[in-house]
N, C-alpha and C. Protein backbone atom coordinates (compact mmCIF):
# COMPACT_ATOMS: atom_id res chain seq x y z
N MET A 1 82.80 -23.61 78.74
CA MET A 1 84.17 -24.55 78.87
C MET A 1 85.20 -24.47 77.76
N GLU A 2 86.75 -24.39 78.36
CA GLU A 2 87.69 -24.00 77.03
C GLU A 2 88.04 -25.59 77.05
N ILE A 3 88.39 -26.07 75.82
CA ILE A 3 88.94 -26.87 75.54
C ILE A 3 90.09 -26.58 74.23
N LYS A 4 91.20 -27.25 74.84
CA LYS A 4 92.63 -26.85 74.27
C LYS A 4 93.03 -28.12 73.40
N ASN A 5 92.60 -28.20 72.64
CA ASN A 5 92.97 -29.61 71.22
C ASN A 5 94.49 -29.65 71.00
N SER A 6 95.15 -30.63 71.13
CA SER A 6 96.56 -30.71 70.81
C SER A 6 96.96 -32.27 70.22
N THR A 7 97.89 -32.32 70.30
CA THR A 7 98.56 -33.92 69.90
C THR A 7 99.82 -34.57 70.43
N THR A 8 99.81 -35.39 71.08
CA THR A 8 100.72 -36.24 71.71
C THR A 8 101.98 -36.23 71.27
N GLN A 9 102.85 -36.29 71.81
CA GLN A 9 104.29 -36.61 71.26
C GLN A 9 104.25 -37.97 70.04
N ARG A 10 103.47 -38.91 70.51
CA ARG A 10 103.35 -39.99 69.56
C ARG A 10 102.60 -39.83 68.01
N GLY A 11 101.88 -38.95 68.40
CA GLY A 11 100.87 -38.16 67.27
C GLY A 11 99.27 -38.54 67.46
N PHE A 12 99.37 -38.81 68.67
CA PHE A 12 97.55 -39.39 68.81
C PHE A 12 96.65 -37.94 69.53
N SER A 13 95.43 -37.46 68.68
CA SER A 13 94.74 -36.62 69.37
C SER A 13 94.14 -36.69 70.64
N HIS A 14 94.45 -35.23 71.15
CA HIS A 14 94.58 -35.03 72.83
C HIS A 14 93.69 -33.84 72.85
N ALA A 15 92.87 -33.62 73.72
CA ALA A 15 91.92 -32.67 74.19
C ALA A 15 92.14 -32.38 75.58
N ASP A 16 92.36 -30.86 76.11
CA ASP A 16 92.07 -30.98 77.75
C ASP A 16 91.40 -30.24 78.20
N PHE A 17 90.57 -30.06 79.15
CA PHE A 17 89.47 -28.95 79.77
C PHE A 17 89.46 -29.68 81.07
N LYS A 18 88.61 -28.30 81.65
CA LYS A 18 88.37 -28.65 83.36
C LYS A 18 87.07 -28.99 83.71
N ASP A 19 86.59 -29.68 84.47
CA ASP A 19 85.45 -30.13 85.10
C ASP A 19 84.72 -28.93 85.51
N HIS A 20 83.42 -29.24 86.19
CA HIS A 20 82.53 -27.87 87.02
C HIS A 20 83.40 -27.83 88.40
N TYR A 21 84.09 -28.31 88.51
CA TYR A 21 85.37 -28.47 89.91
C TYR A 21 86.39 -27.85 89.71
N GLY A 22 86.90 -27.36 88.46
CA GLY A 22 88.12 -27.00 87.83
C GLY A 22 89.16 -27.95 87.94
N LEU A 23 88.54 -29.21 87.71
CA LEU A 23 89.68 -30.33 88.05
C LEU A 23 90.22 -30.70 86.48
N PRO A 24 91.61 -31.10 86.31
CA PRO A 24 92.24 -31.04 84.89
C PRO A 24 91.73 -32.41 84.22
N CYS A 25 91.22 -32.26 83.16
CA CYS A 25 90.45 -33.42 82.49
C CYS A 25 90.94 -33.65 81.22
N SER A 26 90.83 -34.77 80.81
CA SER A 26 91.13 -34.71 79.15
C SER A 26 90.32 -35.94 78.57
N ILE A 27 91.01 -36.13 77.04
CA ILE A 27 89.94 -36.93 76.14
C ILE A 27 91.27 -37.33 75.41
N GLN A 28 91.87 -38.86 74.77
CA GLN A 28 92.62 -38.68 74.15
C GLN A 28 92.47 -40.39 73.27
N LYS A 29 92.81 -39.99 71.94
CA LYS A 29 92.70 -41.34 71.09
C LYS A 29 93.50 -42.38 71.99
N SER A 30 93.07 -43.39 71.84
CA SER A 30 94.03 -44.38 72.65
C SER A 30 95.11 -45.32 71.58
N SER A 31 96.18 -45.50 72.12
CA SER A 31 97.30 -46.39 71.12
C SER A 31 96.93 -47.88 71.22
N LEU A 32 95.62 -48.34 71.57
CA LEU A 32 95.51 -49.43 71.50
C LEU A 32 95.61 -49.95 70.02
N ALA A 33 96.09 -51.33 69.73
CA ALA A 33 96.35 -51.85 68.41
C ALA A 33 95.04 -52.37 67.76
N THR A 34 94.21 -53.16 68.95
CA THR A 34 93.05 -53.99 68.50
C THR A 34 91.61 -53.55 68.47
N LYS A 35 91.73 -51.94 69.03
CA LYS A 35 90.21 -51.47 68.64
C LYS A 35 90.48 -50.23 68.65
N ASP A 36 89.72 -49.46 67.95
CA ASP A 36 89.50 -47.84 68.19
C ASP A 36 88.89 -47.59 70.02
N ALA A 37 89.79 -46.74 70.63
CA ALA A 37 89.39 -46.32 71.78
C ALA A 37 89.83 -45.15 72.30
N ILE A 38 89.20 -44.56 73.19
CA ILE A 38 89.67 -43.23 73.88
C ILE A 38 89.90 -43.58 75.13
N TRP A 39 90.88 -42.57 75.62
CA TRP A 39 90.93 -42.39 77.25
C TRP A 39 90.09 -41.14 77.38
N PHE A 40 89.50 -41.18 78.79
CA PHE A 40 88.52 -40.27 79.23
C PHE A 40 88.50 -40.02 80.47
N GLY A 41 88.72 -38.76 80.72
CA GLY A 41 88.12 -38.56 82.44
C GLY A 41 89.13 -37.46 82.92
N VAL A 42 89.33 -37.46 84.48
CA VAL A 42 90.06 -36.56 85.38
C VAL A 42 91.46 -37.25 85.05
N ASP A 43 92.49 -36.25 84.93
CA ASP A 43 93.93 -36.28 84.87
C ASP A 43 94.50 -36.83 86.22
N ASP A 44 94.16 -35.97 87.19
CA ASP A 44 94.87 -36.28 88.55
C ASP A 44 93.42 -36.04 89.78
N PRO A 45 93.50 -36.99 90.27
CA PRO A 45 92.06 -37.12 91.22
C PRO A 45 92.02 -36.05 92.04
N GLN A 46 93.09 -35.68 92.52
CA GLN A 46 93.52 -34.39 93.38
C GLN A 46 92.99 -35.12 95.19
N PRO A 47 93.24 -36.42 95.50
CA PRO A 47 92.95 -36.69 96.91
C PRO A 47 92.83 -35.60 97.96
N LYS A 48 91.91 -35.88 98.86
CA LYS A 48 91.71 -35.17 99.98
C LYS A 48 91.22 -36.00 100.94
N VAL A 49 91.77 -35.68 102.42
CA VAL A 49 91.48 -36.19 103.71
C VAL A 49 90.74 -35.26 104.54
N LEU A 50 89.51 -35.60 105.00
CA LEU A 50 89.40 -34.44 106.45
C LEU A 50 90.53 -34.24 107.03
N ALA A 51 90.43 -32.79 107.84
CA ALA A 51 91.78 -32.59 108.24
C ALA A 51 91.61 -33.03 110.16
N CYS A 52 90.20 -33.50 110.12
CA CYS A 52 90.34 -33.84 111.80
C CYS A 52 90.87 -35.44 111.62
N GLN A 53 90.79 -35.95 110.64
CA GLN A 53 90.97 -37.38 110.51
C GLN A 53 92.53 -37.65 109.86
N ALA A 54 92.95 -36.52 109.52
CA ALA A 54 94.19 -36.56 108.54
C ALA A 54 95.65 -37.36 109.57
N GLY A 55 95.60 -37.33 110.83
CA GLY A 55 96.77 -37.94 111.54
C GLY A 55 96.31 -39.36 111.49
N SER A 56 94.98 -39.57 111.43
CA SER A 56 94.98 -40.89 111.15
C SER A 56 95.54 -42.03 109.95
N VAL A 57 95.82 -41.07 109.02
CA VAL A 57 96.15 -42.04 107.98
C VAL A 57 97.51 -40.97 107.59
N GLY A 58 98.21 -40.76 108.52
CA GLY A 58 99.47 -40.45 108.58
C GLY A 58 99.74 -38.86 107.54
N VAL A 59 98.80 -38.04 107.53
CA VAL A 59 98.74 -37.01 107.04
C VAL A 59 99.27 -35.68 108.15
N GLU A 60 100.18 -35.15 108.27
CA GLU A 60 100.52 -34.01 109.06
C GLU A 60 99.97 -32.69 108.76
N THR A 61 99.18 -31.94 109.51
CA THR A 61 98.56 -30.69 108.93
C THR A 61 98.45 -29.93 110.03
N ASN A 62 98.06 -28.68 110.17
CA ASN A 62 98.09 -27.71 111.21
C ASN A 62 96.62 -27.52 110.76
N GLU A 63 95.78 -27.81 109.88
CA GLU A 63 94.48 -27.39 109.81
C GLU A 63 93.59 -28.16 110.69
N THR A 64 92.29 -27.70 111.09
CA THR A 64 91.38 -28.32 111.92
C THR A 64 89.95 -28.74 111.72
N CYS A 65 90.08 -27.99 109.94
CA CYS A 65 88.35 -28.52 109.68
C CYS A 65 88.97 -28.25 108.06
N GLY A 66 87.69 -28.80 107.48
CA GLY A 66 87.62 -28.75 106.01
C GLY A 66 88.88 -30.14 105.40
N TRP A 67 88.98 -29.97 104.24
CA TRP A 67 89.82 -31.05 103.42
C TRP A 67 91.21 -30.68 103.11
N VAL A 68 92.41 -31.48 103.45
CA VAL A 68 93.75 -31.05 103.00
C VAL A 68 93.70 -32.39 101.88
N ASP A 69 95.11 -31.85 101.36
CA ASP A 69 95.43 -33.12 100.19
C ASP A 69 96.27 -34.17 100.93
N TYR A 70 95.85 -35.35 100.33
CA TYR A 70 96.07 -36.73 100.66
C TYR A 70 97.52 -37.13 99.83
N PRO A 71 98.48 -36.92 100.36
CA PRO A 71 99.42 -37.53 99.08
C PRO A 71 99.15 -38.81 98.74
N ILE A 72 99.36 -39.23 97.69
CA ILE A 72 99.55 -40.69 97.22
C ILE A 72 100.69 -41.16 97.08
N PRO A 73 101.50 -42.11 97.60
CA PRO A 73 102.83 -42.67 97.46
C PRO A 73 103.07 -43.07 96.34
N LYS A 74 104.18 -42.55 95.47
CA LYS A 74 104.67 -43.12 94.27
C LYS A 74 104.66 -44.37 93.77
N GLU A 75 104.38 -45.38 94.62
CA GLU A 75 104.37 -46.80 94.45
C GLU A 75 102.81 -46.97 94.23
N VAL A 76 101.91 -45.87 94.51
CA VAL A 76 100.51 -46.40 94.23
C VAL A 76 99.83 -46.01 92.66
N LEU A 77 99.30 -46.75 92.10
CA LEU A 77 98.40 -46.22 90.79
C LEU A 77 97.34 -46.22 91.21
N ILE A 78 96.68 -45.10 90.85
CA ILE A 78 95.40 -44.77 90.83
C ILE A 78 94.84 -44.62 89.36
N ASN A 79 93.67 -45.17 88.58
CA ASN A 79 93.35 -44.85 87.48
C ASN A 79 92.29 -44.35 87.36
N THR A 80 92.45 -43.18 86.79
CA THR A 80 91.19 -42.18 86.82
C THR A 80 90.83 -41.65 85.16
N ARG A 81 91.33 -42.17 84.74
CA ARG A 81 90.43 -42.25 83.13
C ARG A 81 89.67 -43.36 82.53
N MET A 82 89.28 -43.38 82.43
CA MET A 82 88.42 -44.51 81.59
C MET A 82 88.95 -44.88 80.13
N HIS A 83 89.09 -45.85 79.64
CA HIS A 83 89.42 -46.53 78.67
C HIS A 83 88.23 -47.25 77.90
N LEU A 84 87.81 -46.29 76.72
CA LEU A 84 86.37 -47.02 76.24
C LEU A 84 86.61 -47.11 74.65
N THR A 85 86.04 -48.25 73.99
CA THR A 85 86.26 -48.83 72.83
C THR A 85 85.22 -47.58 72.13
N GLN A 86 85.47 -47.72 70.74
CA GLN A 86 84.33 -46.81 69.90
C GLN A 86 82.79 -47.36 70.29
N ASP A 87 82.77 -49.21 70.77
CA ASP A 87 81.48 -49.65 70.56
C ASP A 87 80.79 -49.09 72.36
N GLN A 88 81.52 -48.57 73.05
CA GLN A 88 81.02 -48.52 74.59
C GLN A 88 80.36 -47.17 74.51
N VAL A 89 81.39 -46.20 73.80
CA VAL A 89 80.95 -44.62 73.31
C VAL A 89 79.48 -44.51 72.98
N LYS A 90 79.49 -45.35 71.65
CA LYS A 90 78.29 -45.85 71.17
C LYS A 90 76.88 -45.97 72.08
N GLU A 91 77.31 -46.87 73.20
CA GLU A 91 76.10 -47.31 74.11
C GLU A 91 76.15 -45.88 74.78
N LEU A 92 76.84 -45.08 75.43
CA LEU A 92 76.69 -44.05 76.16
C LEU A 92 76.31 -43.08 75.59
N LEU A 93 76.20 -42.73 74.17
CA LEU A 93 75.67 -41.55 73.77
C LEU A 93 74.45 -41.05 73.96
N PRO A 94 73.47 -42.26 73.85
CA PRO A 94 72.19 -41.64 74.32
C PRO A 94 71.94 -41.36 75.46
N ILE A 95 72.74 -41.79 76.48
CA ILE A 95 72.40 -41.43 77.75
C ILE A 95 73.03 -39.81 77.91
N LEU A 96 73.95 -39.58 77.59
CA LEU A 96 74.64 -38.28 77.00
C LEU A 96 73.67 -37.04 76.86
N GLN A 97 73.22 -37.88 75.52
CA GLN A 97 72.43 -36.70 74.67
C GLN A 97 71.39 -36.93 75.70
N HIS A 98 70.53 -37.68 76.17
CA HIS A 98 69.26 -37.17 76.80
C HIS A 98 69.97 -36.36 78.01
N PHE A 99 70.76 -36.69 78.70
CA PHE A 99 70.87 -35.45 79.59
C PHE A 99 71.38 -34.09 78.95
N ALA A 100 72.14 -34.02 78.24
CA ALA A 100 72.42 -32.90 77.42
C ALA A 100 71.05 -32.39 77.08
N ASP A 101 69.91 -32.63 76.71
CA ASP A 101 68.54 -32.20 76.48
C ASP A 101 67.59 -31.74 77.35
N THR A 102 68.04 -32.58 78.58
CA THR A 102 66.97 -32.91 79.73
C THR A 102 67.64 -32.54 81.11
N GLY A 103 68.87 -32.35 81.23
CA GLY A 103 69.15 -32.48 82.05
C GLY A 103 68.77 -33.49 83.23
N GLU A 104 68.23 -34.53 83.12
CA GLU A 104 68.19 -35.64 83.72
C GLU A 104 68.82 -36.99 82.88
N LEU A 105 68.80 -38.11 83.66
CA LEU A 105 69.15 -39.25 83.11
C LEU A 105 68.33 -40.41 82.79
N PRO A 106 68.35 -40.88 81.77
CA PRO A 106 66.68 -41.98 81.43
C PRO A 106 66.58 -42.98 82.19
N THR A 107 65.15 -43.07 82.13
CA THR A 107 64.98 -44.29 83.60
C THR A 107 64.42 -45.24 82.67
């Protein structure tokens, strides 16, 4: 996985990478003033709808099967990144480390 490190215009550390399916993701130091935190997750969810059901949700397409893009109106906000505090990351680390070591989640 290629990780591109950078800094935001406001001086916060930021790294871009792609997940297994090629979706753009990032991790970024948060500007939260009260606690240390990060933003972590998919940058753009790239929503899709089944072509055979597209018309029922207002999407025009010539496709008859598979997935087609589902445009999100500009008036709609979808949060795709987790806002995690330092303590929350510490709680997740053993689970992630177990998966990294074994390929399984702890039971």
